[in-house]
Amino acid sequence: MKQLAVTVIVTVYNVESLFEQVLQSLVSQTYPIREILLIDNRSTDRSVAVAEKFIKQHKRIPMRIVQRERTYGVSDSYNLGAELAKTEYIVTLHSDSSLPTKYELE
């Protein structure tokens, strides 16, 4: 069976201490992820800096950060990500949730 590539949308708000682990759990997945969209809701900590550093170190999966003008909330951020997604299939993930194994998207 053919695997269809997905876009993963991650909403971000003040998760500096957990965020690298979350991102690592995504790039470790065996299922094909075409892109990861990080929708930041005006974090006041270093969440965006953590993401920028991670993106520079991990080029296998395209990742981009979308910084919102203000805090819009989780649902609105997922909707924005869905509008920006380049794939038909979307996976949503909150930025304080990591995937426990590399097979979770399978």
PDB file of N, CA and C in Angstrom:
ATOM      1  N   MET A   1       0.836  -1.169   0.000  1.00  0.00           N
ATOM      2  CA  MET A   1       0.000   0.000   0.000  1.00  0.00           C
ATOM      3  C   MET A   1       0.891   1.247   0.000  1.00  0.00           C
ATOM      4  N   LYS A   2       0.535   2.191  -0.845  1.00  0.00           N
ATOM      5  CA  LYS A   2       1.305   3.429  -0.939  1.00  0.00           C
ATOM      6  C   LYS A   2       1.060   4.302   0.290  1.00  0.00           C
ATOM      7  N   GLN A   3       2.151   4.839   0.833  1.00  0.00           N
ATOM      8  CA  GLN A   3       2.036   5.757   1.961  1.00  0.00           C
ATOM      9  C   GLN A   3       1.893   7.174   1.425  1.00  0.00           C
ATOM     10  N   LEU A   4       0.917   7.891   1.926  1.00  0.00           N
ATOM     11  CA  LEU A   4       0.679   9.262   1.497  1.00  0.00           C
ATOM     12  C   LEU A   4       1.377  10.213   2.457  1.00  0.00           C
ATOM     13  N   ALA A   5       2.136  11.133   1.888  1.00  0.00           N
ATOM     14  CA  ALA A   5       2.853  12.101   2.719  1.00  0.00           C
ATOM     15  C   ALA A   5       1.872  12.999   3.456  1.00  0.00           C
ATOM     16  N   VAL A   6       2.283  13.441   4.632  1.00  0.00           N
ATOM     17  CA  VAL A   6       1.435  14.279   5.467  1.00  0.00           C
ATOM     18  C   VAL A   6       2.156  15.567   5.849  1.00  0.00           C
ATOM     19  N   THR A   7       1.357  16.540   6.216  1.00  0.00           N
ATOM     20  CA  THR A   7       1.838  17.757   6.858  1.00  0.00           C
ATOM     21  C   THR A   7       1.519  17.621   8.338  1.00  0.00           C
ATOM     22  N   VAL A   8       2.480  17.923   9.189  1.00  0.00           N
ATOM     23  CA  VAL A   8       2.235  17.936  10.624  1.00  0.00           C
ATOM     24  C   VAL A   8       2.166  19.394  11.055  1.00  0.00           C
ATOM     25  N   ILE A   9       1.072  19.745  11.722  1.00  0.00           N
ATOM     26  CA  ILE A   9       0.877  21.095  12.235  1.00  0.00           C
ATOM     27  C   ILE A   9       1.039  21.048  13.750  1.00  0.00           C
ATOM     28  N   VAL A  10       1.966  21.859  14.248  1.00  0.00           N
ATOM     29  CA  VAL A  10       2.220  21.910  15.683  1.00  0.00           C
ATOM     30  C   VAL A  10       1.915  23.322  16.161  1.00  0.00           C
ATOM     31  N   THR A  11       0.972  23.434  17.097  1.00  0.00           N
ATOM     32  CA  THR A  11       0.717  24.739  17.706  1.00  0.00           C
ATOM     33  C   THR A  11       1.739  24.950  18.817  1.00  0.00           C
ATOM     34  N   VAL A  12       2.234  26.179  18.914  1.00  0.00           N
ATOM     35  CA  VAL A  12       3.330  26.463  19.839  1.00  0.00           C
ATOM     36  C   VAL A  12       2.956  27.637  20.740  1.00  0.00           C
ATOM     37  N   TYR A  13       3.132  27.424  22.039  1.00  0.00           N
ATOM     38  CA  TYR A  13       2.988  28.532  22.991  1.00  0.00           C
ATOM     39  C   TYR A  13       3.751  28.192  24.269  1.00  0.00           C
ATOM     40  N   ASN A  14       4.874  28.863  24.459  1.00  0.00           N
ATOM     41  CA  ASN A  14       5.671  28.756  25.688  1.00  0.00           C
ATOM     42  C   ASN A  14       5.968  27.316  26.103  1.00  0.00           C
ATOM     43  N   VAL A  15       6.671  26.607  25.234  1.00  0.00           N
ATOM     44  CA  VAL A  15       7.034  25.211  25.525  1.00  0.00           C
ATOM     45  C   VAL A  15       8.549  24.986  25.418  1.00  0.00           C
ATOM     46  N   GLU A  16       9.290  26.002  25.718  1.00  0.00           N
ATOM     47  CA  GLU A  16      10.748  25.961  25.574  1.00  0.00           C
ATOM     48  C   GLU A  16      11.371  24.695  26.151  1.00  0.00           C
ATOM     49  N   SER A  17      10.980  24.304  27.343  1.00  0.00           N
ATOM     50  CA  SER A  17      11.636  23.178  28.016  1.00  0.00           C
ATOM     51  C   SER A  17      11.324  21.822  27.384  1.00  0.00           C
ATOM     52  N   LEU A  18      10.230  21.713  26.662  1.00  0.00           N
ATOM     53  CA  LEU A  18       9.814  20.432  26.066  1.00  0.00           C
ATOM     54  C   LEU A  18       9.981  20.369  24.560  1.00  0.00           C
ATOM     55  N   PHE A  19      10.169  21.493  23.934  1.00  0.00           N
ATOM     56  CA  PHE A  19       9.971  21.591  22.489  1.00  0.00           C
ATOM     57  C   PHE A  19      10.971  20.781  21.674  1.00  0.00           C
ATOM     58  N   GLU A  20      12.216  20.748  22.076  1.00  0.00           N
ATOM     59  CA  GLU A  20      13.198  19.970  21.314  1.00  0.00           C
ATOM     60  C   GLU A  20      12.819  18.490  21.300  1.00  0.00           C
ATOM     61  N   GLN A  21      12.360  17.973  22.425  1.00  0.00           N
ATOM     62  CA  GLN A  21      11.932  16.576  22.504  1.00  0.00           C
ATOM     63  C   GLN A  21      10.746  16.315  21.574  1.00  0.00           C
ATOM     64  N   VAL A  22       9.810  17.241  21.529  1.00  0.00           N
ATOM     65  CA  VAL A  22       8.642  17.106  20.652  1.00  0.00           C
ATOM     66  C   VAL A  22       9.091  17.065  19.191  1.00  0.00           C
ATOM     67  N   LEU A  23       9.949  18.006  18.804  1.00  0.00           N
ATOM     68  CA  LEU A  23      10.427  18.059  17.426  1.00  0.00           C
ATOM     69  C   LEU A  23      11.231  16.810  17.066  1.00  0.00           C
ATOM     70  N   GLN A  24      12.054  16.339  17.985  1.00  0.00           N
ATOM     71  CA  GLN A  24      12.828  15.124  17.731  1.00  0.00           C
ATOM     72  C   GLN A  24      11.910  13.930  17.507  1.00  0.00           C
ATOM     73  N   SER A  25      10.816  13.860  18.252  1.00  0.00           N
ATOM     74  CA  SER A  25       9.884  12.744  18.069  1.00  0.00           C
ATOM     75  C   SER A  25       9.245  12.780  16.684  1.00  0.00           C
ATOM     76  N   LEU A  26       9.116  13.962  16.112  1.00  0.00           N
ATOM     77  CA  LEU A  26       8.553  14.080  14.766  1.00  0.00           C
ATOM     78  C   LEU A  26       9.555  13.672  13.697  1.00  0.00           C
ATOM     79  N   VAL A  27      10.759  14.204  13.768  1.00  0.00           N
ATOM     80  CA  VAL A  27      11.737  13.884  12.718  1.00  0.00           C
ATOM     81  C   VAL A  27      12.203  12.436  12.786  1.00  0.00           C
ATOM     82  N   SER A  28      11.914  11.747  13.875  1.00  0.00           N
ATOM     83  CA  SER A  28      12.277  10.335  14.016  1.00  0.00           C
ATOM     84  C   SER A  28      11.233   9.390  13.418  1.00  0.00           C
ATOM     85  N   GLN A  29      10.100   9.902  13.015  1.00  0.00           N
ATOM     86  CA  GLN A  29       9.032   9.054  12.494  1.00  0.00           C
ATOM     87  C   GLN A  29       9.451   8.355  11.201  1.00  0.00           C
ATOM     88  N   THR A  30       9.011   7.121  11.021  1.00  0.00           N
ATOM     89  CA  THR A  30       9.310   6.368   9.807  1.00  0.00           C
ATOM     90  C   THR A  30       8.332   6.696   8.685  1.00  0.00           C
ATOM     91  N   TYR A  31       7.151   7.180   9.028  1.00  0.00           N
ATOM     92  CA  TYR A  31       6.149   7.540   8.028  1.00  0.00           C
ATOM     93  C   TYR A  31       6.575   8.838   7.329  1.00  0.00           C
ATOM     94  N   PRO A  32       6.334   8.973   6.027  1.00  0.00           N
ATOM     95  CA  PRO A  32       6.806  10.161   5.305  1.00  0.00           C
ATOM     96  C   PRO A  32       6.064  11.447   5.698  1.00  0.00           C
ATOM     97  N   ILE A  33       6.804  12.350   6.284  1.00  0.00           N
ATOM     98  CA  ILE A  33       6.280  13.676   6.601  1.00  0.00           C
ATOM     99  C   ILE A  33       6.842  14.620   5.546  1.00  0.00           C
ATOM    100  N   ARG A  34       5.959  15.283   4.825  1.00  0.00           N
ATOM    101  CA  ARG A  34       6.424  16.203   3.779  1.00  0.00           C
ATOM    102  C   ARG A  34       6.872  17.530   4.364  1.00  0.00           C
ATOM    103  N   GLU A  35       6.181  17.982   5.405  1.00  0.00           N
ATOM    104  CA  GLU A  35       6.533  19.265   6.014  1.00  0.00           C
ATOM    105  C   GLU A  35       5.996  19.307   7.437  1.00  0.00           C
ATOM    106  N   ILE A  36       6.642  20.136   8.239  1.00  0.00           N
ATOM    107  CA  ILE A  36       6.185  20.398   9.598  1.00  0.00           C
ATOM    108  C   ILE A  36       5.984  21.894   9.715  1.00  0.00           C
ATOM    109  N   LEU A  37       4.758  22.290  10.060  1.00  0.00           N
ATOM    110  CA  LEU A  37       4.424  23.704  10.251  1.00  0.00           C
ATOM    111  C   LEU A  37       4.319  23.987  11.741  1.00  0.00           C
ATOM    112  N   LEU A  38       5.092  24.929  12.218  1.00  0.00           N
ATOM    113  CA  LEU A  38       5.092  25.321  13.625  1.00  0.00           C
ATOM    114  C   LEU A  38       4.387  26.657  13.724  1.00  0.00           C
ATOM    115  N   ILE A  39       3.189  26.656  14.278  1.00  0.00           N
ATOM    116  CA  ILE A  39       2.380  27.874  14.369  1.00  0.00           C
ATOM    117  C   ILE A  39       2.536  28.429  15.779  1.00  0.00           C
ATOM    118  N   ASP A  40       3.316  29.511  15.884  1.00  0.00           N
ATOM    119  CA  ASP A  40       3.616  30.102  17.188  1.00  0.00           C
ATOM    120  C   ASP A  40       2.592  31.175  17.544  1.00  0.00           C
ATOM    121  N   ASN A  41       2.010  31.050  18.715  1.00  0.00           N
ATOM    122  CA  ASN A  41       0.989  31.972  19.220  1.00  0.00           C
ATOM    123  C   ASN A  41       1.590  33.014  20.159  1.00  0.00           C
ATOM    124  N   ARG A  42       2.626  33.697  19.690  1.00  0.00           N
ATOM    125  CA  ARG A  42       3.272  34.777  20.454  1.00  0.00           C
ATOM    126  C   ARG A  42       3.888  34.268  21.756  1.00  0.00           C
ATOM    127  N   SER A  43       4.673  33.220  21.647  1.00  0.00           N
ATOM    128  CA  SER A  43       5.378  32.706  22.831  1.00  0.00           C
ATOM    129  C   SER A  43       6.232  33.805  23.442  1.00  0.00           C
ATOM    130  N   THR A  44       6.276  33.818  24.753  1.00  0.00           N
ATOM    131  CA  THR A  44       7.087  34.817  25.459  1.00  0.00           C
ATOM    132  C   THR A  44       8.372  34.217  26.015  1.00  0.00           C
ATOM    133  N   ASP A  45       8.564  32.924  25.803  1.00  0.00           N
ATOM    134  CA  ASP A  45       9.804  32.275  26.226  1.00  0.00           C
ATOM    135  C   ASP A  45      10.680  32.066  24.983  1.00  0.00           C
ATOM    136  N   ARG A  46      11.580  31.123  25.020  1.00  0.00           N
ATOM    137  CA  ARG A  46      12.504  30.878  23.911  1.00  0.00           C
ATOM    138  C   ARG A  46      12.044  29.739  22.990  1.00  0.00           C
ATOM    139  N   SER A  47      10.767  29.486  22.929  1.00  0.00           N
ATOM    140  CA  SER A  47      10.255  28.408  22.074  1.00  0.00           C
ATOM    141  C   SER A  47      10.674  28.591  20.615  1.00  0.00           C
ATOM    142  N   VAL A  48      10.554  29.789  20.108  1.00  0.00           N
ATOM    143  CA  VAL A  48      10.907  30.049  18.710  1.00  0.00           C
ATOM    144  C   VAL A  48      12.406  29.856  18.488  1.00  0.00           C
ATOM    145  N   ALA A  49      13.217  30.296  19.422  1.00  0.00           N
ATOM    146  CA  ALA A  49      14.669  30.106  19.307  1.00  0.00           C
ATOM    147  C   ALA A  49      15.025  28.618  19.308  1.00  0.00           C
ATOM    148  N   VAL A  50      14.359  27.844  20.143  1.00  0.00           N
ATOM    149  CA  VAL A  50      14.580  26.393  20.170  1.00  0.00           C
ATOM    150  C   VAL A  50      14.231  25.802  18.801  1.00  0.00           C
ATOM    151  N   ALA A  51      13.107  26.227  18.239  1.00  0.00           N
ATOM    152  CA  ALA A  51      12.681  25.722  16.927  1.00  0.00           C
ATOM    153  C   ALA A  51      13.672  26.128  15.837  1.00  0.00           C
ATOM    154  N   GLU A  52      14.113  27.364  15.847  1.00  0.00           N
ATOM    155  CA  GLU A  52      15.065  27.830  14.836  1.00  0.00           C
ATOM    156  C   GLU A  52      16.357  27.027  14.871  1.00  0.00           C
ATOM    157  N   LYS A  53      16.864  26.785  16.053  1.00  0.00           N
ATOM    158  CA  LYS A  53      18.084  25.988  16.204  1.00  0.00           C
ATOM    159  C   LYS A  53      17.859  24.572  15.697  1.00  0.00           C
ATOM    160  N   PHE A  54      16.730  23.977  16.056  1.00  0.00           N
ATOM    161  CA  PHE A  54      16.412  22.612  15.637  1.00  0.00           C
ATOM    162  C   PHE A  54      16.314  22.532  14.114  1.00  0.00           C
ATOM    163  N   ILE A  55      15.668  23.496  13.501  1.00  0.00           N
ATOM    164  CA  ILE A  55      15.500  23.507  12.043  1.00  0.00           C
ATOM    165  C   ILE A  55      16.857  23.551  11.346  1.00  0.00           C
ATOM    166  N   LYS A  56      17.782  24.339  11.862  1.00  0.00           N
ATOM    167  CA  LYS A  56      19.125  24.426  11.270  1.00  0.00           C
ATOM    168  C   LYS A  56      19.867  23.098  11.353  1.00  0.00           C
ATOM    169  N   GLN A  57      19.592  22.327  12.372  1.00  0.00           N
ATOM    170  CA  GLN A  57      20.296  21.058  12.594  1.00  0.00           C
ATOM    171  C   GLN A  57      19.627  19.863  11.907  1.00  0.00           C
ATOM    172  N   HIS A  58      18.374  20.008  11.490  1.00  0.00           N
ATOM    173  CA  HIS A  58      17.612  18.888  10.927  1.00  0.00           C
ATOM    174  C   HIS A  58      16.982  19.326   9.612  1.00  0.00           C
ATOM    175  N   LYS A  59      17.621  18.975   8.527  1.00  0.00           N
ATOM    176  CA  LYS A  59      17.183  19.428   7.200  1.00  0.00           C
ATOM    177  C   LYS A  59      16.392  18.371   6.425  1.00  0.00           C
ATOM    178  N   ARG A  60      16.278  17.166   6.954  1.00  0.00           N
ATOM    179  CA  ARG A  60      15.627  16.077   6.216  1.00  0.00           C
ATOM    180  C   ARG A  60      14.155  16.370   5.922  1.00  0.00           C
ATOM    181  N   ILE A  61      13.472  16.956   6.869  1.00  0.00           N
ATOM    182  CA  ILE A  61      12.054  17.306   6.698  1.00  0.00           C
ATOM    183  C   ILE A  61      11.942  18.825   6.726  1.00  0.00           C
ATOM    184  N   PRO A  62      11.355  19.418   5.695  1.00  0.00           N
ATOM    185  CA  PRO A  62      11.176  20.879   5.720  1.00  0.00           C
ATOM    186  C   PRO A  62      10.291  21.298   6.900  1.00  0.00           C
ATOM    187  N   MET A  63      10.766  22.280   7.642  1.00  0.00           N
ATOM    188  CA  MET A  63      10.014  22.828   8.772  1.00  0.00           C
ATOM    189  C   MET A  63       9.989  24.340   8.623  1.00  0.00           C
ATOM    190  N   ARG A  64       8.858  24.909   8.976  1.00  0.00           N
ATOM    191  CA  ARG A  64       8.824  26.370   8.993  1.00  0.00           C
ATOM    192  C   ARG A  64       8.009  26.862  10.173  1.00  0.00           C
ATOM    193  N   ILE A  65       8.398  28.040  10.623  1.00  0.00           N
ATOM    194  CA  ILE A  65       7.748  28.677  11.763  1.00  0.00           C
ATOM    195  C   ILE A  65       6.868  29.796  11.226  1.00  0.00           C
ATOM    196  N   VAL A  66       5.634  29.817  11.681  1.00  0.00           N
ATOM    197  CA  VAL A  66       4.727  30.911  11.368  1.00  0.00           C
ATOM    198  C   VAL A  66       4.450  31.612  12.687  1.00  0.00           C
ATOM    199  N   GLN A  67       4.913  32.850  12.806  1.00  0.00           N
ATOM    200  CA  GLN A  67       4.713  33.603  14.045  1.00  0.00           C
ATOM    201  C   GLN A  67       3.470  34.482  13.895  1.00  0.00           C
ATOM    202  N   ARG A  68       2.532  34.278  14.806  1.00  0.00           N
ATOM    203  CA  ARG A  68       1.269  35.024  14.780  1.00  0.00           C
ATOM    204  C   ARG A  68       1.462  36.415  15.367  1.00  0.00           C
ATOM    205  N   GLU A  69       0.624  37.341  14.949  1.00  0.00           N
ATOM    206  CA  GLU A  69       0.676  38.721  15.447  1.00  0.00           C
ATOM    207  C   GLU A  69       0.237  38.814  16.899  1.00  0.00           C
ATOM    208  N   ARG A  70      -0.661  37.907  17.273  1.00  0.00           N
ATOM    209  CA  ARG A  70      -1.168  37.856  18.641  1.00  0.00           C
ATOM    210  C   ARG A  70      -1.562  36.411  18.929  1.00  0.00           C
ATOM    211  N   THR A  71      -1.986  36.133  20.127  1.00  0.00           N
ATOM    212  CA  THR A  71      -2.405  34.779  20.489  1.00  0.00           C
ATOM    213  C   THR A  71      -3.826  34.558  19.986  1.00  0.00           C
ATOM    214  N   TYR A  72      -3.957  33.620  19.068  1.00  0.00           N
ATOM    215  CA  TYR A  72      -5.259  33.318  18.483  1.00  0.00           C
ATOM    216  C   TYR A  72      -5.889  32.065  19.069  1.00  0.00           C
ATOM    217  N   GLY A  73      -5.097  31.227  19.679  1.00  0.00           N
ATOM    218  CA  GLY A  73      -5.622  29.986  20.239  1.00  0.00           C
ATOM    219  C   GLY A  73      -5.305  28.790  19.372  1.00  0.00           C
ATOM    220  N   VAL A  74      -5.494  27.626  19.949  1.00  0.00           N
ATOM    221  CA  VAL A  74      -5.107  26.376  19.314  1.00  0.00           C
ATOM    222  C   VAL A  74      -5.911  26.105  18.045  1.00  0.00           C
ATOM    223  N   SER A  75      -7.234  26.175  18.122  1.00  0.00           N
ATOM    224  CA  SER A  75      -8.071  25.833  16.969  1.00  0.00           C
ATOM    225  C   SER A  75      -7.790  26.738  15.780  1.00  0.00           C
ATOM    226  N   ASP A  76      -7.679  28.020  16.030  1.00  0.00           N
ATOM    227  CA  ASP A  76      -7.402  28.959  14.947  1.00  0.00           C
ATOM    228  C   ASP A  76      -6.032  28.691  14.330  1.00  0.00           C
ATOM    229  N   SER A  77      -5.083  28.312  15.154  1.00  0.00           N
ATOM    230  CA  SER A  77      -3.738  28.004  14.647  1.00  0.00           C
ATOM    231  C   SER A  77      -3.737  26.733  13.809  1.00  0.00           C
ATOM    232  N   TYR A  78      -4.491  25.724  14.221  1.00  0.00           N
ATOM    233  CA  TYR A  78      -4.617  24.527  13.392  1.00  0.00           C
ATOM    234  C   TYR A  78      -5.264  24.872  12.052  1.00  0.00           C
ATOM    235  N   ASN A  79      -6.270  25.727  12.074  1.00  0.00           N
ATOM    236  CA  ASN A  79      -6.928  26.136  10.831  1.00  0.00           C
ATOM    237  C   ASN A  79      -5.958  26.857   9.905  1.00  0.00           C
ATOM    238  N   LEU A  80      -5.141  27.750  10.453  1.00  0.00           N
ATOM    239  CA  LEU A  80      -4.143  28.435   9.643  1.00  0.00           C
ATOM    240  C   LEU A  80      -3.171  27.418   9.044  1.00  0.00           C
ATOM    241  N   GLY A  81      -2.707  26.490   9.855  1.00  0.00           N
ATOM    242  CA  GLY A  81      -1.815  25.458   9.354  1.00  0.00           C
ATOM    243  C   GLY A  81      -2.442  24.650   8.230  1.00  0.00           C
ATOM    244  N   ALA A  82      -3.718  24.321   8.364  1.00  0.00           N
ATOM    245  CA  ALA A  82      -4.417  23.564   7.326  1.00  0.00           C
ATOM    246  C   ALA A  82      -4.477  24.359   6.022  1.00  0.00           C
ATOM    247  N   GLU A  83      -4.660  25.664   6.129  1.00  0.00           N
ATOM    248  CA  GLU A  83      -4.667  26.514   4.929  1.00  0.00           C
ATOM    249  C   GLU A  83      -3.300  26.541   4.255  1.00  0.00           C
ATOM    250  N   LEU A  84      -2.233  26.479   5.040  1.00  0.00           N
ATOM    251  CA  LEU A  84      -0.869  26.564   4.510  1.00  0.00           C
ATOM    252  C   LEU A  84      -0.299  25.211   4.078  1.00  0.00           C
ATOM    253  N   ALA A  85      -0.936  24.134   4.491  1.00  0.00           N
ATOM    254  CA  ALA A  85      -0.414  22.785   4.237  1.00  0.00           C
ATOM    255  C   ALA A  85      -0.309  22.497   2.746  1.00  0.00           C
ATOM    256  N   LYS A  86       0.740  21.773   2.393  1.00  0.00           N
ATOM    257  CA  LYS A  86       0.984  21.403   1.000  1.00  0.00           C
ATOM    258  C   LYS A  86       0.516  19.982   0.687  1.00  0.00           C
ATOM    259  N   THR A  87      -0.045  19.317   1.669  1.00  0.00           N
ATOM    260  CA  THR A  87      -0.516  17.946   1.449  1.00  0.00           C
ATOM    261  C   THR A  87      -2.012  17.860   1.726  1.00  0.00           C
ATOM    262  N   GLU A  88      -2.594  16.803   1.217  1.00  0.00           N
ATOM    263  CA  GLU A  88      -4.022  16.571   1.436  1.00  0.00           C
ATOM    264  C   GLU A  88      -4.287  16.067   2.853  1.00  0.00           C
ATOM    265  N   TYR A  89      -3.313  15.355   3.414  1.00  0.00           N
ATOM    266  CA  TYR A  89      -3.482  14.761   4.731  1.00  0.00           C
ATOM    267  C   TYR A  89      -2.682  15.539   5.771  1.00  0.00           C
ATOM    268  N   ILE A  90      -3.334  15.752   6.923  1.00  0.00           N
ATOM    269  CA  ILE A  90      -2.766  16.594   7.977  1.00  0.00           C
ATOM    270  C   ILE A  90      -2.819  15.851   9.301  1.00  0.00           C
ATOM    271  N   VAL A  91      -1.752  16.006  10.066  1.00  0.00           N
ATOM    272  CA  VAL A  91      -1.709  15.509  11.436  1.00  0.00           C
ATOM    273  C   VAL A  91      -1.510  16.723  12.331  1.00  0.00           C
ATOM    274  N   THR A  92      -2.302  16.829  13.387  1.00  0.00           N
ATOM    275  CA  THR A  92      -2.136  17.935  14.328  1.00  0.00           C
ATOM    276  C   THR A  92      -1.505  17.413  15.607  1.00  0.00           C
ATOM    277  N   LEU A  93      -0.655  18.254  16.186  1.00  0.00           N
ATOM    278  CA  LEU A  93       0.039  17.869  17.406  1.00  0.00           C
ATOM    279  C   LEU A  93       0.226  19.107  18.260  1.00  0.00           C
ATOM    280  N   HIS A  94      -0.090  18.987  19.520  1.00  0.00           N
ATOM    281  CA  HIS A  94       0.154  20.087  20.438  1.00  0.00           C
ATOM    282  C   HIS A  94       1.622  20.078  20.824  1.00  0.00           C
ATOM    283  N   SER A  95       2.176  21.234  21.063  1.00  0.00           N
ATOM    284  CA  SER A  95       3.625  21.355  21.259  1.00  0.00           C
ATOM    285  C   SER A  95       4.124  20.803  22.594  1.00  0.00           C
ATOM    286  N   ASP A  96       3.252  20.329  23.449  1.00  0.00           N
ATOM    287  CA  ASP A  96       3.735  19.681  24.667  1.00  0.00           C
ATOM    288  C   ASP A  96       3.497  18.170  24.617  1.00  0.00           C
ATOM    289  N   SER A  97       3.253  17.658  23.404  1.00  0.00           N
ATOM    290  CA  SER A  97       3.019  16.223  23.211  1.00  0.00           C
ATOM    291  C   SER A  97       4.070  15.656  22.274  1.00  0.00           C
ATOM    292  N   SER A  98       4.772  14.645  22.727  1.00  0.00           N
ATOM    293  CA  SER A  98       5.728  13.995  21.838  1.00  0.00           C
ATOM    294  C   SER A  98       5.211  12.605  21.488  1.00  0.00           C
ATOM    295  N   LEU A  99       5.694  12.087  20.377  1.00  0.00           N
ATOM    296  CA  LEU A  99       5.280  10.767  19.926  1.00  0.00           C
ATOM    297  C   LEU A  99       6.220   9.732  20.550  1.00  0.00           C
ATOM    298  N   PRO A 100       5.689   8.744  21.271  1.00  0.00           N
ATOM    299  CA  PRO A 100       6.527   7.851  22.065  1.00  0.00           C
ATOM    300  C   PRO A 100       7.430   6.908  21.269  1.00  0.00           C
ATOM    301  N   THR A 101       7.017   6.532  20.038  1.00  0.00           N
ATOM    302  CA  THR A 101       7.870   5.667  19.222  1.00  0.00           C
ATOM    303  C   THR A 101       7.985   6.259  17.832  1.00  0.00           C
ATOM    304  N   LYS A 102       8.912   5.731  17.046  1.00  0.00           N
ATOM    305  CA  LYS A 102       9.092   6.243  15.692  1.00  0.00           C
ATOM    306  C   LYS A 102       8.050   5.715  14.717  1.00  0.00           C
ATOM    307  N   TYR A 103       7.134   4.872  15.203  1.00  0.00           N
ATOM    308  CA  TYR A 103       6.105   4.268  14.359  1.00  0.00           C
ATOM    309  C   TYR A 103       4.712   4.859  14.576  1.00  0.00           C
ATOM    310  N   GLU A 104       4.590   5.918  15.314  1.00  0.00           N
ATOM    311  CA  GLU A 104       3.259   6.440  15.680  1.00  0.00           C
ATOM    312  C   GLU A 104       2.431   6.872  14.486  1.00  0.00           C
ATOM    313  N   LEU A 105       3.038   7.424  13.450  1.00  0.00           N
ATOM    314  CA  LEU A 105       2.273   7.857  12.286  1.00  0.00           C
ATOM    315  C   LEU A 105       1.949   6.717  11.333  1.00  0.00           C
ATOM    316  N   GLU A 106       2.606   5.574  11.523  1.00  0.00           N
ATOM    317  CA  GLU A 106       2.329   4.406  10.688  1.00  0.00           C
ATOM    318  C   GLU A 106       0.860   4.037  10.840  1.00  0.00           C
TER     319      GLU A 106
END
